[in-house]
Amino acid sequence: MPYWIPVLKHRQGYRGGGTALLYRNNLKVTLANSGQLESFEYSEWVVKSFASDHLKVIVIYRPPIQKTTGYPQVYFLMNSRTI
């Protein structure tokens, strides 16, 4: 049994992209939420230990700025307020 387990949240309707989380096998991880906004995609995970502690982790993937879309930094900052 491996010590580390990957969980993936693939992009819907696109090739490539997505988010991932790598965690120890002694933790329980569940996907709480995920989505795509104008300038990035995200996944929100709840990580629980056997001691009943839990932690919410948000993984954000922001692709490089494309000349075709040209989303400036301000779009990322505005969109991240909605998570």
Protein backbone atom coordinates (compact mmCIF):
# COMPACT_ATOMS: atom_id res chain seq x y z
CA MET A 1 0.00 0.00 0.00
CA PRO A 2 1.53 3.35 -0.98
CA TYR A 3 2.15 6.04 1.59
CA TRP A 4 0.82 8.78 -0.70
CA ILE A 5 -2.45 8.84 -2.62
CA PRO A 6 -3.27 11.24 -5.50
CA VAL A 7 -6.80 12.53 -6.10
CA LEU A 8 -7.63 14.32 -9.32
CA LYS A 9 -10.39 16.69 -10.41
CA HIS A 10 -10.32 16.79 -14.20
CA ARG A 11 -11.50 19.79 -16.20
CA GLN A 12 -14.92 19.29 -17.68
CA GLY A 13 -15.24 19.77 -21.44
CA TYR A 14 -11.57 20.62 -22.05
CA ARG A 15 -8.37 18.78 -22.79
CA GLY A 16 -5.67 19.10 -20.13
CA GLY A 17 -5.79 21.14 -16.95
CA GLY A 18 -7.49 20.11 -13.76
CA THR A 19 -6.37 20.11 -10.15
CA ALA A 20 -4.82 17.44 -7.95
CA LEU A 21 -4.05 16.82 -4.30
CA LEU A 22 -1.49 14.37 -2.93
CA TYR A 23 -2.12 13.15 0.62
CA ARG A 24 -0.91 10.56 3.12
CA ASN A 25 -2.80 7.28 3.27
CA ASN A 26 -3.66 7.78 6.96
CA LEU A 27 -5.97 10.72 6.10
CA LYS A 28 -9.49 10.77 4.67
CA VAL A 29 -10.01 13.24 1.81
CA THR A 30 -13.31 14.18 0.17
CA LEU A 31 -14.13 16.65 -2.58
CA ALA A 32 -16.35 19.41 -1.16
CA ASN A 33 -16.66 21.71 -4.17
CA SER A 34 -15.07 22.51 -7.52
CA GLY A 35 -15.56 24.86 -10.42
CA GLN A 36 -14.21 27.00 -13.20
CA LEU A 37 -14.28 30.77 -13.26
CA GLU A 38 -13.13 33.15 -15.98
CA SER A 39 -9.43 33.01 -15.21
CA PHE A 40 -8.88 29.84 -13.14
CA GLU A 41 -10.28 26.55 -11.93
CA TYR A 42 -10.36 25.23 -8.38
CA SER A 43 -11.17 22.26 -6.18
CA GLU A 44 -12.02 22.40 -2.49
CA TRP A 45 -11.15 19.36 -0.35
CA VAL A 46 -11.90 18.39 3.24
CA VAL A 47 -9.01 16.54 4.87
CA LYS A 48 -9.78 14.59 8.06
CA SER A 49 -7.35 12.86 10.37
CA PHE A 50 -8.12 9.92 12.63
CA ALA A 51 -8.03 12.35 15.56
CA SER A 52 -11.23 13.94 14.12
CA ASP A 53 -9.40 17.14 13.17
CA HIS A 54 -10.27 18.49 9.75
CA LEU A 55 -8.81 21.01 7.38
CA LYS A 56 -10.29 22.61 4.28
CA VAL A 57 -7.83 22.87 1.37
CA ILE A 58 -8.43 24.81 -1.84
CA VAL A 59 -6.31 23.95 -4.88
CA ILE A 60 -6.21 26.59 -7.63
CA TYR A 61 -4.92 26.16 -11.16
CA ARG A 62 -4.46 29.36 -13.09
CA PRO A 63 -3.23 28.69 -16.63
CA PRO A 64 -0.70 31.04 -18.19
CA ILE A 65 -2.22 34.16 -19.72
CA GLN A 66 -3.06 33.49 -23.35
CA LYS A 67 -2.82 36.21 -25.98
CA THR A 68 -6.26 35.15 -27.21
CA THR A 69 -7.99 35.60 -23.85
CA GLY A 70 -5.59 38.06 -22.25
CA TYR A 71 -7.05 37.85 -18.75
CA PRO A 72 -5.04 40.28 -16.63
CA GLN A 73 -4.18 39.68 -12.98
CA VAL A 74 -7.21 41.69 -11.85
CA TYR A 75 -9.60 38.99 -13.21
CA PHE A 76 -7.92 36.37 -11.04
CA LEU A 77 -8.20 38.59 -7.96
CA MET A 78 -11.85 39.41 -8.65
CA ASN A 79 -12.79 35.76 -9.35
CA SER A 80 -11.00 34.42 -6.28
CA ARG A 81 -13.30 36.48 -4.04
CA THR A 82 -16.22 34.26 -5.10
CA ILE A 83 -14.77 31.00 -3.77
